[in-house]
Amino acid sequence: MTPPKFMLSSHVLVFNYSSEILLVKHPKRGWEIPGGWVEEEESVRLAAIREVREKTGLNIKLVKYCGIFQNLRSHKCDLLFIGKPIGGRITTSDEIGDAGYFPAETAMRLISQRIIKQQIMYCLNEKRQPFIVEY
């Protein structure tokens, strides 16, 4: 029997000292929280830190694991963390056209994907953590 294959990604809700949320603007998906695929033989924590640095130029510290969103049809698992910046400055990358911090209300208006908004809401609600959301 062939074992099931899942694609893992790590995403981070990064808050600055004004409690604003870091968003990145992908050319096709629009505004979202930074993150990306976990590479082979890489930990999900280190992938989260690496992806934020690659996409935004910021060095972060993970302060909390929030939970997981699992897409049962596409075999994708998004692990979600909360982080804070510890160095660097915001830049863009080949993958990202823009990045910046936004108040939570503004961030939610900028994000067009319903699932990303739901992930943020779960991360902001400590009573729901740790969570497992299957969709």
C-alpha atoms as a PDB file:
ATOM      1  CA  MET A   1       0.000   0.000   0.000  1.00  0.00           C
ATOM      2  CA  THR A   2       1.329   3.442  -0.944  1.00  0.00           C
ATOM      3  CA  PRO A   3       1.482   5.820   2.033  1.00  0.00           C
ATOM      4  CA  PRO A   4      -0.580   9.020   1.691  1.00  0.00           C
ATOM      5  CA  LYS A   5       1.321  12.148   0.749  1.00  0.00           C
ATOM      6  CA  PHE A   6       0.666  15.490   2.354  1.00  0.00           C
ATOM      7  CA  MET A   7       2.133  18.852   1.537  1.00  0.00           C
ATOM      8  CA  LEU A   8       3.106  20.809   4.640  1.00  0.00           C
ATOM      9  CA  SER A   9       3.319  24.552   4.859  1.00  0.00           C
ATOM     10  CA  SER A  10       4.129  26.842   7.760  1.00  0.00           C
ATOM     11  CA  HIS A  11       2.576  30.295   8.089  1.00  0.00           C
ATOM     12  CA  VAL A  12       3.181  32.958  10.698  1.00  0.00           C
ATOM     13  CA  LEU A  13       0.992  35.716  12.055  1.00  0.00           C
ATOM     14  CA  VAL A  14       3.745  38.246  12.825  1.00  0.00           C
ATOM     15  CA  PHE A  15       2.827  41.113  15.142  1.00  0.00           C
ATOM     16  CA  ASN A  16       4.914  44.266  15.494  1.00  0.00           C
ATOM     17  CA  TYR A  17       5.129  46.244  18.724  1.00  0.00           C
ATOM     18  CA  SER A  18       1.958  48.158  17.788  1.00  0.00           C
ATOM     19  CA  SER A  19       0.040  44.853  17.479  1.00  0.00           C
ATOM     20  CA  GLU A  20      -0.244  45.250  13.716  1.00  0.00           C
ATOM     21  CA  ILE A  21      -0.217  42.163  11.471  1.00  0.00           C
ATOM     22  CA  LEU A  22       2.433  41.578   8.820  1.00  0.00           C
ATOM     23  CA  LEU A  23       0.952  40.843   5.385  1.00  0.00           C
ATOM     24  CA  VAL A  24       2.608  40.032   2.068  1.00  0.00           C
ATOM     25  CA  LYS A  25       1.072  40.598  -1.349  1.00  0.00           C
ATOM     26  CA  HIS A  26       1.389  37.682  -3.731  1.00  0.00           C
ATOM     27  CA  PRO A  27       0.876  38.641  -7.408  1.00  0.00           C
ATOM     28  CA  LYS A  28      -1.884  36.035  -7.945  1.00  0.00           C
ATOM     29  CA  ARG A  29      -3.367  35.371  -4.478  1.00  0.00           C
ATOM     30  CA  GLY A  30      -3.291  38.927  -3.153  1.00  0.00           C
ATOM     31  CA  TRP A  31      -2.652  39.807   0.490  1.00  0.00           C
ATOM     32  CA  GLU A  32      -1.891  36.953   2.899  1.00  0.00           C
ATOM     33  CA  ILE A  33       0.176  36.093   5.952  1.00  0.00           C
ATOM     34  CA  PRO A  34       3.755  35.052   5.158  1.00  0.00           C
ATOM     35  CA  GLY A  35       4.642  31.399   4.909  1.00  0.00           C
ATOM     36  CA  GLY A  36       5.325  28.591   2.496  1.00  0.00           C
ATOM     37  CA  TRP A  37       6.237  24.980   1.925  1.00  0.00           C
ATOM     38  CA  VAL A  38       8.274  22.935   4.375  1.00  0.00           C
ATOM     39  CA  GLU A  39      11.279  21.526   2.545  1.00  0.00           C
ATOM     40  CA  GLU A  40      12.359  17.906   2.759  1.00  0.00           C
ATOM     41  CA  GLU A  41      14.085  17.132   6.086  1.00  0.00           C
ATOM     42  CA  GLU A  42      13.246  20.615   7.445  1.00  0.00           C
ATOM     43  CA  SER A  43      11.360  21.235  10.667  1.00  0.00           C
ATOM     44  CA  VAL A  44       8.048  23.083  10.452  1.00  0.00           C
ATOM     45  CA  ARG A  45       9.357  25.697  12.912  1.00  0.00           C
ATOM     46  CA  LEU A  46      12.498  26.422  10.908  1.00  0.00           C
ATOM     47  CA  ALA A  47      10.455  26.501   7.693  1.00  0.00           C
ATOM     48  CA  ALA A  48       8.197  29.175   9.204  1.00  0.00           C
ATOM     49  CA  ILE A  49      11.166  31.333  10.200  1.00  0.00           C
ATOM     50  CA  ARG A  50      12.887  30.816   6.825  1.00  0.00           C
ATOM     51  CA  GLU A  51       9.783  31.603   4.785  1.00  0.00           C
ATOM     52  CA  VAL A  52       9.167  34.883   6.624  1.00  0.00           C
ATOM     53  CA  ARG A  53      12.808  35.908   6.137  1.00  0.00           C
ATOM     54  CA  GLU A  54      12.800  34.947   2.436  1.00  0.00           C
ATOM     55  CA  LYS A  55       9.558  36.762   1.693  1.00  0.00           C
ATOM     56  CA  THR A  56       9.964  39.877   3.863  1.00  0.00           C
ATOM     57  CA  GLY A  57      13.592  40.277   4.954  1.00  0.00           C
ATOM     58  CA  LEU A  58      12.535  40.069   8.614  1.00  0.00           C
ATOM     59  CA  ASN A  59      14.054  37.774  11.200  1.00  0.00           C
ATOM     60  CA  ILE A  60      11.414  36.518  13.580  1.00  0.00           C
ATOM     61  CA  LYS A  61      11.035  34.514  16.735  1.00  0.00           C
ATOM     62  CA  LEU A  62       8.146  32.079  16.993  1.00  0.00           C
ATOM     63  CA  VAL A  63       6.270  32.655  20.234  1.00  0.00           C
ATOM     64  CA  LYS A  64       3.353  30.265  19.855  1.00  0.00           C
ATOM     65  CA  TYR A  65       2.021  27.330  17.871  1.00  0.00           C
ATOM     66  CA  CYS A  66      -1.665  27.944  17.152  1.00  0.00           C
ATOM     67  CA  GLY A  67      -2.921  24.959  15.177  1.00  0.00           C
ATOM     68  CA  ILE A  68      -3.416  23.329  11.802  1.00  0.00           C
ATOM     69  CA  PHE A  69      -5.750  23.708   8.838  1.00  0.00           C
ATOM     70  CA  GLN A  70      -5.981  20.556   6.718  1.00  0.00           C
ATOM     71  CA  ASN A  71      -7.434  20.586   3.214  1.00  0.00           C
ATOM     72  CA  LEU A  72      -8.646  17.004   2.804  1.00  0.00           C
ATOM     73  CA  ARG A  73      -9.086  17.238  -0.978  1.00  0.00           C
ATOM     74  CA  SER A  74      -5.719  18.758  -1.847  1.00  0.00           C
ATOM     75  CA  HIS A  75      -3.785  16.910   0.900  1.00  0.00           C
ATOM     76  CA  LYS A  76      -2.372  20.213   2.161  1.00  0.00           C
ATOM     77  CA  CYS A  77      -1.699  20.980   5.819  1.00  0.00           C
ATOM     78  CA  ASP A  78      -1.073  24.567   6.935  1.00  0.00           C
ATOM     79  CA  LEU A  79       0.610  24.857  10.337  1.00  0.00           C
ATOM     80  CA  LEU A  80       0.036  28.246  11.934  1.00  0.00           C
ATOM     81  CA  PHE A  81       2.239  30.132  14.374  1.00  0.00           C
ATOM     82  CA  ILE A  82       2.432  33.541  16.012  1.00  0.00           C
ATOM     83  CA  GLY A  83       5.751  35.343  15.814  1.00  0.00           C
ATOM     84  CA  LYS A  84       7.429  38.632  16.552  1.00  0.00           C
ATOM     85  CA  PRO A  85      10.181  40.461  14.665  1.00  0.00           C
ATOM     86  CA  ILE A  86      13.679  40.364  16.152  1.00  0.00           C
ATOM     87  CA  GLY A  87      15.657  41.958  13.334  1.00  0.00           C
ATOM     88  CA  GLY A  88      15.904  42.928   9.701  1.00  0.00           C
ATOM     89  CA  ARG A  89      13.708  45.340   7.796  1.00  0.00           C
ATOM     90  CA  ILE A  90      10.820  44.800   5.431  1.00  0.00           C
ATOM     91  CA  THR A  91      11.836  44.179   1.838  1.00  0.00           C
ATOM     92  CA  THR A  92      10.150  42.396  -1.041  1.00  0.00           C
ATOM     93  CA  SER A  93      11.240  39.316  -2.965  1.00  0.00           C
ATOM     94  CA  ASP A  94      10.738  37.736  -6.376  1.00  0.00           C
ATOM     95  CA  GLU A  95       7.591  36.071  -5.024  1.00  0.00           C
ATOM     96  CA  ILE A  96       6.177  39.069  -3.162  1.00  0.00           C
ATOM     97  CA  GLY A  97       5.274  42.450  -4.645  1.00  0.00           C
ATOM     98  CA  ASP A  98       4.609  44.274  -1.385  1.00  0.00           C
ATOM     99  CA  ALA A  99       4.709  43.724   2.377  1.00  0.00           C
ATOM    100  CA  GLY A 100       3.759  45.734   5.425  1.00  0.00           C
ATOM    101  CA  TYR A 101       2.125  45.879   8.817  1.00  0.00           C
ATOM    102  CA  PHE A 102      -1.577  46.645   9.109  1.00  0.00           C
ATOM    103  CA  PRO A 103      -4.094  46.997  11.945  1.00  0.00           C
ATOM    104  CA  ALA A 104      -6.158  43.791  12.235  1.00  0.00           C
ATOM    105  CA  GLU A 105      -9.314  45.381  10.807  1.00  0.00           C
ATOM    106  CA  THR A 106      -7.454  46.710   7.757  1.00  0.00           C
ATOM    107  CA  ALA A 107      -5.656  43.394   7.263  1.00  0.00           C
ATOM    108  CA  MET A 108      -8.958  41.524   7.214  1.00  0.00           C
ATOM    109  CA  ARG A 109     -10.333  43.925   4.579  1.00  0.00           C
ATOM    110  CA  LEU A 110      -7.236  43.538   2.385  1.00  0.00           C
ATOM    111  CA  ILE A 111      -7.283  39.728   2.396  1.00  0.00           C
ATOM    112  CA  SER A 112      -9.593  38.288  -0.241  1.00  0.00           C
ATOM    113  CA  GLN A 113      -9.236  34.567   0.514  1.00  0.00           C
ATOM    114  CA  ARG A 114     -11.814  33.362   3.013  1.00  0.00           C
ATOM    115  CA  ILE A 115      -9.597  30.549   4.345  1.00  0.00           C
ATOM    116  CA  ILE A 116      -6.778  32.962   5.249  1.00  0.00           C
ATOM    117  CA  LYS A 117      -9.223  35.196   7.111  1.00  0.00           C
ATOM    118  CA  GLN A 118     -10.470  32.128   8.989  1.00  0.00           C
ATOM    119  CA  GLN A 119      -6.895  31.112   9.869  1.00  0.00           C
ATOM    120  CA  ILE A 120      -6.221  34.564  11.296  1.00  0.00           C
ATOM    121  CA  MET A 121      -9.439  34.511  13.324  1.00  0.00           C
ATOM    122  CA  TYR A 122      -8.514  31.146  14.841  1.00  0.00           C
ATOM    123  CA  CYS A 123      -5.000  32.387  15.659  1.00  0.00           C
ATOM    124  CA  LEU A 124      -6.422  35.481  17.352  1.00  0.00           C
ATOM    125  CA  ASN A 125      -8.820  33.439  19.517  1.00  0.00           C
ATOM    126  CA  GLU A 126      -6.776  31.759  22.259  1.00  0.00           C
ATOM    127  CA  LYS A 127      -9.827  29.786  23.453  1.00  0.00           C
ATOM    128  CA  ARG A 128      -9.778  27.805  20.179  1.00  0.00           C
ATOM    129  CA  GLN A 129      -6.110  26.834  20.437  1.00  0.00           C
ATOM    130  CA  PRO A 130      -4.593  24.526  19.636  1.00  0.00           C
ATOM    131  CA  PHE A 131      -7.006  23.866  16.786  1.00  0.00           C
ATOM    132  CA  ILE A 132      -7.404  21.333  14.020  1.00  0.00           C
ATOM    133  CA  VAL A 133      -9.637  22.521  11.185  1.00  0.00           C
ATOM    134  CA  GLU A 134     -10.431  20.081   8.396  1.00  0.00           C
ATOM    135  CA  TYR A 135     -12.025  21.401   5.245  1.00  0.00           C
END
